[in-house]
Amino acid sequence: MPPRSLEEWFYYKLLSSPGFHRFVRKVYRKVNGIKEDPFTDQTTASQFLYKPTQLQKFKAFRLLFWDEMRSTFGFRRKLSDRFK
């Protein structure tokens, strides 16, 4: 369901952002006198995963699109050996 207003959209974007949750966690710890956990802000494996650029995403989409078009019109797929 799409947001009904711009305010609602901003609200959902704010609640889904990791930076906002880090900020709230730090404020909560300061207010309640809880010491920082040294393992909280460590790097995670997801930071080192491959992140394709927009150009790479476009090229991949183009290859898959034309391969699908070929199969739709009865031609042999070129990428069938890569995806199983």
PDB file of N, CA and C in Angstrom:
ATOM      1  N   MET A   1       0.846  -1.171   0.000  1.00  0.00           N
ATOM      2  CA  MET A   1       0.000   0.000   0.000  1.00  0.00           C
ATOM      3  C   MET A   1       0.898   1.244   0.000  1.00  0.00           C
ATOM      4  N   PRO A   2       0.701   2.122  -0.949  1.00  0.00           N
ATOM      5  CA  PRO A   2       1.538   3.326  -1.011  1.00  0.00           C
ATOM      6  C   PRO A   2       1.186   4.281   0.125  1.00  0.00           C
ATOM      7  N   PRO A   3       2.141   5.124   0.504  1.00  0.00           N
ATOM      8  CA  PRO A   3       1.845   6.094   1.563  1.00  0.00           C
ATOM      9  C   PRO A   3       0.795   7.109   1.102  1.00  0.00           C
ATOM     10  N   ARG A   4      -0.010   7.556   2.062  1.00  0.00           N
ATOM     11  CA  ARG A   4      -1.102   8.475   1.732  1.00  0.00           C
ATOM     12  C   ARG A   4      -0.631   9.913   1.636  1.00  0.00           C
ATOM     13  N   SER A   5       0.502  10.219   2.256  1.00  0.00           N
ATOM     14  CA  SER A   5       0.989  11.595   2.215  1.00  0.00           C
ATOM     15  C   SER A   5       2.510  11.597   2.215  1.00  0.00           C
ATOM     16  N   LEU A   6       3.064  12.745   1.945  1.00  0.00           N
ATOM     17  CA  LEU A   6       4.514  12.897   1.955  1.00  0.00           C
ATOM     18  C   LEU A   6       5.065  12.687   3.362  1.00  0.00           C
ATOM     19  N   GLU A   7       4.312  13.122   4.344  1.00  0.00           N
ATOM     20  CA  GLU A   7       4.722  12.960   5.743  1.00  0.00           C
ATOM     21  C   GLU A   7       4.824  11.482   6.111  1.00  0.00           C
ATOM     22  N   GLU A   8       3.870  10.696   5.660  1.00  0.00           N
ATOM     23  CA  GLU A   8       3.883   9.259   5.937  1.00  0.00           C
ATOM     24  C   GLU A   8       5.058   8.586   5.231  1.00  0.00           C
ATOM     25  N   TRP A   9       5.350   9.026   4.019  1.00  0.00           N
ATOM     26  CA  TRP A   9       6.488   8.467   3.281  1.00  0.00           C
ATOM     27  C   TRP A   9       7.797   8.757   4.017  1.00  0.00           C
ATOM     28  N   PHE A  10       7.977  10.022   4.491  1.00  0.00           N
ATOM     29  CA  PHE A  10       9.168  10.370   5.268  1.00  0.00           C
ATOM     30  C   PHE A  10       9.263   9.523   6.536  1.00  0.00           C
ATOM     31  N   TYR A  11       8.136   9.293   7.172  1.00  0.00           N
ATOM     32  CA  TYR A  11       8.092   8.482   8.390  1.00  0.00           C
ATOM     33  C   TYR A  11       8.604   7.070   8.108  1.00  0.00           C
ATOM     34  N   TYR A  12       8.120   6.442   7.054  1.00  0.00           N
ATOM     35  CA  TYR A  12       8.565   5.085   6.711  1.00  0.00           C
ATOM     36  C   TYR A  12      10.045   5.051   6.321  1.00  0.00           C
ATOM     37  N   LYS A  13      10.498   6.070   5.585  1.00  0.00           N
ATOM     38  CA  LYS A  13      11.918   6.128   5.203  1.00  0.00           C
ATOM     39  C   LYS A  13      12.800   6.267   6.435  1.00  0.00           C
ATOM     40  N   LEU A  14      12.373   7.098   7.390  1.00  0.00           N
ATOM     41  CA  LEU A  14      13.140   7.298   8.617  1.00  0.00           C
ATOM     42  C   LEU A  14      13.214   6.014   9.420  1.00  0.00           C
ATOM     43  N   LEU A  15      12.107   5.319   9.572  1.00  0.00           N
ATOM     44  CA  LEU A  15      12.098   4.091  10.361  1.00  0.00           C
ATOM     45  C   LEU A  15      12.843   2.946   9.689  1.00  0.00           C
ATOM     46  N   SER A  16      13.024   3.014   8.392  1.00  0.00           N
ATOM     47  CA  SER A  16      13.733   1.932   7.704  1.00  0.00           C
ATOM     48  C   SER A  16      15.229   2.215   7.549  1.00  0.00           C
ATOM     49  N   SER A  17      15.690   3.390   7.999  1.00  0.00           N
ATOM     50  CA  SER A  17      17.107   3.716   7.819  1.00  0.00           C
ATOM     51  C   SER A  17      17.945   3.221   8.997  1.00  0.00           C
ATOM     52  N   PRO A  18      19.066   2.532   8.725  1.00  0.00           N
ATOM     53  CA  PRO A  18      19.933   2.034   9.798  1.00  0.00           C
ATOM     54  C   PRO A  18      20.587   3.169  10.580  1.00  0.00           C
ATOM     55  N   GLY A  19      20.865   4.291   9.931  1.00  0.00           N
ATOM     56  CA  GLY A  19      21.488   5.420  10.613  1.00  0.00           C
ATOM     57  C   GLY A  19      20.602   5.973  11.723  1.00  0.00           C
ATOM     58  N   PHE A  20      19.304   6.030  11.478  1.00  0.00           N
ATOM     59  CA  PHE A  20      18.375   6.512  12.494  1.00  0.00           C
ATOM     60  C   PHE A  20      18.381   5.577  13.703  1.00  0.00           C
ATOM     61  N   HIS A  21      18.406   4.270  13.450  1.00  0.00           N
ATOM     62  CA  HIS A  21      18.410   3.308  14.551  1.00  0.00           C
ATOM     63  C   HIS A  21      19.710   3.366  15.348  1.00  0.00           C
ATOM     64  N   ARG A  22      20.837   3.617  14.673  1.00  0.00           N
ATOM     65  CA  ARG A  22      22.102   3.791  15.400  1.00  0.00           C
ATOM     66  C   ARG A  22      22.038   5.017  16.302  1.00  0.00           C
ATOM     67  N   PHE A  23      21.486   6.099  15.764  1.00  0.00           N
ATOM     68  CA  PHE A  23      21.356   7.334  16.536  1.00  0.00           C
ATOM     69  C   PHE A  23      20.482   7.115  17.771  1.00  0.00           C
ATOM     70  N   VAL A  24      19.337   6.479  17.603  1.00  0.00           N
ATOM     71  CA  VAL A  24      18.426   6.229  18.722  1.00  0.00           C
ATOM     72  C   VAL A  24      19.090   5.317  19.749  1.00  0.00           C
ATOM     73  N   ARG A  25      19.838   4.321  19.292  1.00  0.00           N
ATOM     74  CA  ARG A  25      20.526   3.406  20.202  1.00  0.00           C
ATOM     75  C   ARG A  25      21.556   4.158  21.052  1.00  0.00           C
ATOM     76  N   LYS A  26      22.305   5.071  20.426  1.00  0.00           N
ATOM     77  CA  LYS A  26      23.310   5.847  21.170  1.00  0.00           C
ATOM     78  C   LYS A  26      22.657   6.764  22.197  1.00  0.00           C
ATOM     79  N   VAL A  27      21.575   7.436  21.812  1.00  0.00           N
ATOM     80  CA  VAL A  27      20.867   8.316  22.749  1.00  0.00           C
ATOM     81  C   VAL A  27      20.293   7.492  23.901  1.00  0.00           C
ATOM     82  N   TYR A  28      19.710   6.352  23.608  1.00  0.00           N
ATOM     83  CA  TYR A  28      19.138   5.478  24.635  1.00  0.00           C
ATOM     84  C   TYR A  28      20.208   5.043  25.642  1.00  0.00           C
ATOM     85  N   ARG A  29      21.385   4.688  25.136  1.00  0.00           N
ATOM     86  CA  ARG A  29      22.469   4.267  26.031  1.00  0.00           C
ATOM     87  C   ARG A  29      22.945   5.426  26.912  1.00  0.00           C
ATOM     88  N   LYS A  30      23.053   6.625  26.335  1.00  0.00           N
ATOM     89  CA  LYS A  30      23.495   7.781  27.131  1.00  0.00           C
ATOM     90  C   LYS A  30      22.485   8.135  28.198  1.00  0.00           C
ATOM     91  N   VAL A  31      21.208   8.133  27.856  1.00  0.00           N
ATOM     92  CA  VAL A  31      20.165   8.502  28.808  1.00  0.00           C
ATOM     93  C   VAL A  31      20.098   7.489  29.955  1.00  0.00           C
ATOM     94  N   ASN A  32      20.253   6.222  29.656  1.00  0.00           N
ATOM     95  CA  ASN A  32      20.128   5.180  30.667  1.00  0.00           C
ATOM     96  C   ASN A  32      21.457   4.778  31.297  1.00  0.00           C
ATOM     97  N   GLY A  33      22.543   5.430  30.915  1.00  0.00           N
ATOM     98  CA  GLY A  33      23.843   5.151  31.523  1.00  0.00           C
ATOM     99  C   GLY A  33      24.419   3.795  31.171  1.00  0.00           C
ATOM    100  N   ILE A  34      24.095   3.305  30.024  1.00  0.00           N
ATOM    101  CA  ILE A  34      24.603   2.009  29.568  1.00  0.00           C
ATOM    102  C   ILE A  34      25.880   2.246  28.792  1.00  0.00           C
ATOM    103  N   LYS A  35      26.925   1.466  29.110  1.00  0.00           N
ATOM    104  CA  LYS A  35      28.196   1.630  28.405  1.00  0.00           C
ATOM    105  C   LYS A  35      28.087   1.061  26.995  1.00  0.00           C
ATOM    106  N   GLU A  36      28.882   1.646  26.114  1.00  0.00           N
ATOM    107  CA  GLU A  36      28.898   1.188  24.710  1.00  0.00           C
ATOM    108  C   GLU A  36      29.449  -0.223  24.625  1.00  0.00           C
ATOM    109  N   ASP A  37      28.822  -1.042  23.836  1.00  0.00           N
ATOM    110  CA  ASP A  37      29.315  -2.388  23.569  1.00  0.00           C
ATOM    111  C   ASP A  37      30.357  -2.284  22.460  1.00  0.00           C
ATOM    112  N   PRO A  38      31.597  -2.729  22.688  1.00  0.00           N
ATOM    113  CA  PRO A  38      32.625  -2.557  21.648  1.00  0.00           C
ATOM    114  C   PRO A  38      32.335  -3.341  20.372  1.00  0.00           C
ATOM    115  N   PHE A  39      31.460  -4.338  20.433  1.00  0.00           N
ATOM    116  CA  PHE A  39      31.179  -5.154  19.245  1.00  0.00           C
ATOM    117  C   PHE A  39      29.990  -4.635  18.447  1.00  0.00           C
ATOM    118  N   THR A  40      29.350  -3.580  18.914  1.00  0.00           N
ATOM    119  CA  THR A  40      28.153  -3.068  18.246  1.00  0.00           C
ATOM    120  C   THR A  40      28.465  -2.443  16.894  1.00  0.00           C
ATOM    121  N   ASP A  41      29.485  -1.622  16.816  1.00  0.00           N
ATOM    122  CA  ASP A  41      29.763  -0.892  15.587  1.00  0.00           C
ATOM    123  C   ASP A  41      30.871  -1.519  14.751  1.00  0.00           C
ATOM    124  N   GLN A  42      31.051  -2.816  14.851  1.00  0.00           N
ATOM    125  CA  GLN A  42      32.061  -3.485  14.039  1.00  0.00           C
ATOM    126  C   GLN A  42      31.563  -3.629  12.605  1.00  0.00           C
ATOM    127  N   THR A  43      32.494  -3.803  11.709  1.00  0.00           N
ATOM    128  CA  THR A  43      32.124  -4.003  10.313  1.00  0.00           C
ATOM    129  C   THR A  43      31.496  -5.379  10.139  1.00  0.00           C
ATOM    130  N   THR A  44      30.544  -5.453   9.259  1.00  0.00           N
ATOM    131  CA  THR A  44      29.864  -6.713   8.991  1.00  0.00           C
ATOM    132  C   THR A  44      30.290  -7.239   7.624  1.00  0.00           C
ATOM    133  N   ALA A  45      29.975  -8.475   7.379  1.00  0.00           N
ATOM    134  CA  ALA A  45      30.343  -9.095   6.105  1.00  0.00           C
ATOM    135  C   ALA A  45      29.612  -8.449   4.938  1.00  0.00           C
ATOM    136  N   SER A  46      28.421  -7.903   5.178  1.00  0.00           N
ATOM    137  CA  SER A  46      27.652  -7.300   4.085  1.00  0.00           C
ATOM    138  C   SER A  46      28.341  -6.062   3.506  1.00  0.00           C
ATOM    139  N   GLN A  47      29.228  -5.437   4.273  1.00  0.00           N
ATOM    140  CA  GLN A  47      29.939  -4.276   3.752  1.00  0.00           C
ATOM    141  C   GLN A  47      30.964  -4.671   2.699  1.00  0.00           C
ATOM    142  N   PHE A  48      31.385  -5.923   2.696  1.00  0.00           N
ATOM    143  CA  PHE A  48      32.406  -6.369   1.767  1.00  0.00           C
ATOM    144  C   PHE A  48      31.827  -7.155   0.590  1.00  0.00           C
ATOM    145  N   LEU A  49      30.508  -7.274   0.513  1.00  0.00           N
ATOM    146  CA  LEU A  49      29.890  -7.982  -0.597  1.00  0.00           C
ATOM    147  C   LEU A  49      29.963  -7.149  -1.866  1.00  0.00           C
ATOM    148  N   TYR A  50      29.871  -7.825  -2.981  1.00  0.00           N
ATOM    149  CA  TYR A  50      29.931  -7.154  -4.285  1.00  0.00           C
ATOM    150  C   TYR A  50      28.690  -6.297  -4.487  1.00  0.00           C
ATOM    151  N   LYS A  51      28.889  -5.040  -4.852  1.00  0.00           N
ATOM    152  CA  LYS A  51      27.789  -4.134  -5.137  1.00  0.00           C
ATOM    153  C   LYS A  51      27.967  -3.604  -6.554  1.00  0.00           C
ATOM    154  N   PRO A  52      27.140  -4.091  -7.500  1.00  0.00           N
ATOM    155  CA  PRO A  52      27.291  -3.664  -8.892  1.00  0.00           C
ATOM    156  C   PRO A  52      26.891  -2.201  -9.083  1.00  0.00           C
ATOM    157  N   THR A  53      27.513  -1.581 -10.064  1.00  0.00           N
ATOM    158  CA  THR A  53      27.183  -0.199 -10.414  1.00  0.00           C
ATOM    159  C   THR A  53      25.929  -0.187 -11.279  1.00  0.00           C
ATOM    160  N   GLN A  54      25.388   1.003 -11.527  1.00  0.00           N
ATOM    161  CA  GLN A  54      24.198   1.132 -12.367  1.00  0.00           C
ATOM    162  C   GLN A  54      24.470   0.629 -13.785  1.00  0.00           C
ATOM    163  N   LEU A  55      25.680   0.903 -14.301  1.00  0.00           N
ATOM    164  CA  LEU A  55      26.025   0.442 -15.645  1.00  0.00           C
ATOM    165  C   LEU A  55      26.060  -1.084 -15.708  1.00  0.00           C
ATOM    166  N   GLN A  56      26.633  -1.717 -14.690  1.00  0.00           N
ATOM    167  CA  GLN A  56      26.691  -3.177 -14.659  1.00  0.00           C
ATOM    168  C   GLN A  56      25.285  -3.770 -14.547  1.00  0.00           C
ATOM    169  N   LYS A  57      24.428  -3.130 -13.767  1.00  0.00           N
ATOM    170  CA  LYS A  57      23.050  -3.613 -13.648  1.00  0.00           C
ATOM    171  C   LYS A  57      22.323  -3.482 -14.983  1.00  0.00           C
ATOM    172  N   PHE A  58      22.558  -2.367 -15.680  1.00  0.00           N
ATOM    173  CA  PHE A  58      21.910  -2.158 -16.976  1.00  0.00           C
ATOM    174  C   PHE A  58      22.361  -3.198 -17.988  1.00  0.00           C
ATOM    175  N   LYS A  59      23.675  -3.470 -18.023  1.00  0.00           N
ATOM    176  CA  LYS A  59      24.192  -4.464 -18.969  1.00  0.00           C
ATOM    177  C   LYS A  59      23.612  -5.846 -18.684  1.00  0.00           C
ATOM    178  N   ALA A  60      23.517  -6.214 -17.422  1.00  0.00           N
ATOM    179  CA  ALA A  60      22.952  -7.511 -17.056  1.00  0.00           C
ATOM    180  C   ALA A  60      21.481  -7.582 -17.452  1.00  0.00           C
ATOM    181  N   PHE A  61      20.734  -6.505 -17.196  1.00  0.00           N
ATOM    182  CA  PHE A  61      19.327  -6.470 -17.590  1.00  0.00           C
ATOM    183  C   PHE A  61      19.180  -6.615 -19.097  1.00  0.00           C
ATOM    184  N   ARG A  62      20.020  -5.896 -19.842  1.00  0.00           N
ATOM    185  CA  ARG A  62      19.952  -5.946 -21.303  1.00  0.00           C
ATOM    186  C   ARG A  62      20.204  -7.368 -21.817  1.00  0.00           C
ATOM    187  N   LEU A  63      21.221  -8.027 -21.255  1.00  0.00           N
ATOM    188  CA  LEU A  63      21.508  -9.408 -21.675  1.00  0.00           C
ATOM    189  C   LEU A  63      20.334 -10.333 -21.391  1.00  0.00           C
ATOM    190  N   LEU A  64      19.783 -10.232 -20.201  1.00  0.00           N
ATOM    191  CA  LEU A  64      18.665 -11.101 -19.839  1.00  0.00           C
ATOM    192  C   LEU A  64      17.417 -10.779 -20.652  1.00  0.00           C
ATOM    193  N   PHE A  65      17.179  -9.497 -20.908  1.00  0.00           N
ATOM    194  CA  PHE A  65      16.014  -9.102 -21.695  1.00  0.00           C
ATOM    195  C   PHE A  65      16.078  -9.677 -23.101  1.00  0.00           C
ATOM    196  N   TRP A  66      17.218  -9.500 -23.779  1.00  0.00           N
ATOM    197  CA  TRP A  66      17.310  -9.999 -25.150  1.00  0.00           C
ATOM    198  C   TRP A  66      17.325 -11.515 -25.203  1.00  0.00           C
ATOM    199  N   ASP A  67      17.859 -12.160 -24.193  1.00  0.00           N
ATOM    200  CA  ASP A  67      17.825 -13.617 -24.134  1.00  0.00           C
ATOM    201  C   ASP A  67      16.378 -14.094 -23.993  1.00  0.00           C
ATOM    202  N   GLU A  68      15.613 -13.398 -23.181  1.00  0.00           N
ATOM    203  CA  GLU A  68      14.202 -13.746 -23.012  1.00  0.00           C
ATOM    204  C   GLU A  68      13.419 -13.481 -24.294  1.00  0.00           C
ATOM    205  N   MET A  69      13.733 -12.396 -24.988  1.00  0.00           N
ATOM    206  CA  MET A  69      13.070 -12.109 -26.259  1.00  0.00           C
ATOM    207  C   MET A  69      13.378 -13.190 -27.290  1.00  0.00           C
ATOM    208  N   ARG A  70      14.627 -13.644 -27.320  1.00  0.00           N
ATOM    209  CA  ARG A  70      15.000 -14.706 -28.260  1.00  0.00           C
ATOM    210  C   ARG A  70      14.184 -15.968 -27.988  1.00  0.00           C
ATOM    211  N   SER A  71      14.063 -16.335 -26.707  1.00  0.00           N
ATOM    212  CA  SER A  71      13.327 -17.561 -26.381  1.00  0.00           C
ATOM    213  C   SER A  71      11.834 -17.389 -26.645  1.00  0.00           C
ATOM    214  N   THR A  72      11.318 -16.175 -26.514  1.00  0.00           N
ATOM    215  CA  THR A  72       9.899 -15.926 -26.780  1.00  0.00           C
ATOM    216  C   THR A  72       9.574 -16.168 -28.251  1.00  0.00           C
ATOM    217  N   PHE A  73      10.481 -15.776 -29.148  1.00  0.00           N
ATOM    218  CA  PHE A  73      10.248 -15.959 -30.583  1.00  0.00           C
ATOM    219  C   PHE A  73      10.766 -17.291 -31.109  1.00  0.00           C
ATOM    220  N   GLY A  74      11.167 -18.189 -30.213  1.00  0.00           N
ATOM    221  CA  GLY A  74      11.523 -19.542 -30.613  1.00  0.00           C
ATOM    222  C   GLY A  74      12.978 -19.748 -30.963  1.00  0.00           C
ATOM    223  N   PHE A  75      13.827 -18.774 -30.763  1.00  0.00           N
ATOM    224  CA  PHE A  75      15.261 -18.956 -31.004  1.00  0.00           C
ATOM    225  C   PHE A  75      15.922 -19.559 -29.771  1.00  0.00           C
ATOM    226  N   ARG A  76      17.113 -20.107 -30.000  1.00  0.00           N
ATOM    227  CA  ARG A  76      17.847 -20.726 -28.908  1.00  0.00           C
ATOM    228  C   ARG A  76      18.377 -19.654 -27.967  1.00  0.00           C
ATOM    229  N   ARG A  77      18.337 -19.955 -26.679  1.00  0.00           N
ATOM    230  CA  ARG A  77      18.874 -19.012 -25.692  1.00  0.00           C
ATOM    231  C   ARG A  77      20.391 -19.013 -25.744  1.00  0.00           C
ATOM    232  N   LYS A  78      21.000 -17.846 -25.615  1.00  0.00           N
ATOM    233  CA  LYS A  78      22.459 -17.755 -25.582  1.00  0.00           C
ATOM    234  C   LYS A  78      23.002 -17.958 -24.166  1.00  0.00           C
ATOM    235  N   LEU A  79      22.215 -17.612 -23.154  1.00  0.00           N
ATOM    236  CA  LEU A  79      22.686 -17.661 -21.783  1.00  0.00           C
ATOM    237  C   LEU A  79      22.210 -18.891 -21.016  1.00  0.00           C
ATOM    238  N   SER A  80      21.674 -19.881 -21.723  1.00  0.00           N
ATOM    239  CA  SER A  80      21.102 -21.036 -21.024  1.00  0.00           C
ATOM    240  C   SER A  80      22.171 -21.847 -20.288  1.00  0.00           C
ATOM    241  N   ASP A  81      23.424 -21.783 -20.762  1.00  0.00           N
ATOM    242  CA  ASP A  81      24.490 -22.543 -20.094  1.00  0.00           C
ATOM    243  C   ASP A  81      24.970 -21.855 -18.824  1.00  0.00           C
ATOM    244  N   ARG A  82      24.669 -20.567 -18.652  1.00  0.00           N
ATOM    245  CA  ARG A  82      25.133 -19.827 -17.460  1.00  0.00           C
ATOM    246  C   ARG A  82      24.179 -19.927 -16.289  1.00  0.00           C
ATOM    247  N   PHE A  83      22.890 -20.117 -16.546  1.00  0.00           N
ATOM    248  CA  PHE A  83      21.881 -20.145 -15.492  1.00  0.00           C
ATOM    249  C   PHE A  83      21.188 -21.495 -15.481  1.00  0.00           C
ATOM    250  N   LYS A  84      21.362 -22.216 -14.402  1.00  0.00           N
ATOM    251  CA  LYS A  84      20.710 -23.532 -14.303  1.00  0.00           C
ATOM    252  C   LYS A  84      19.979 -23.654 -12.999  1.00  0.00           C
TER     253      LYS A  84
END
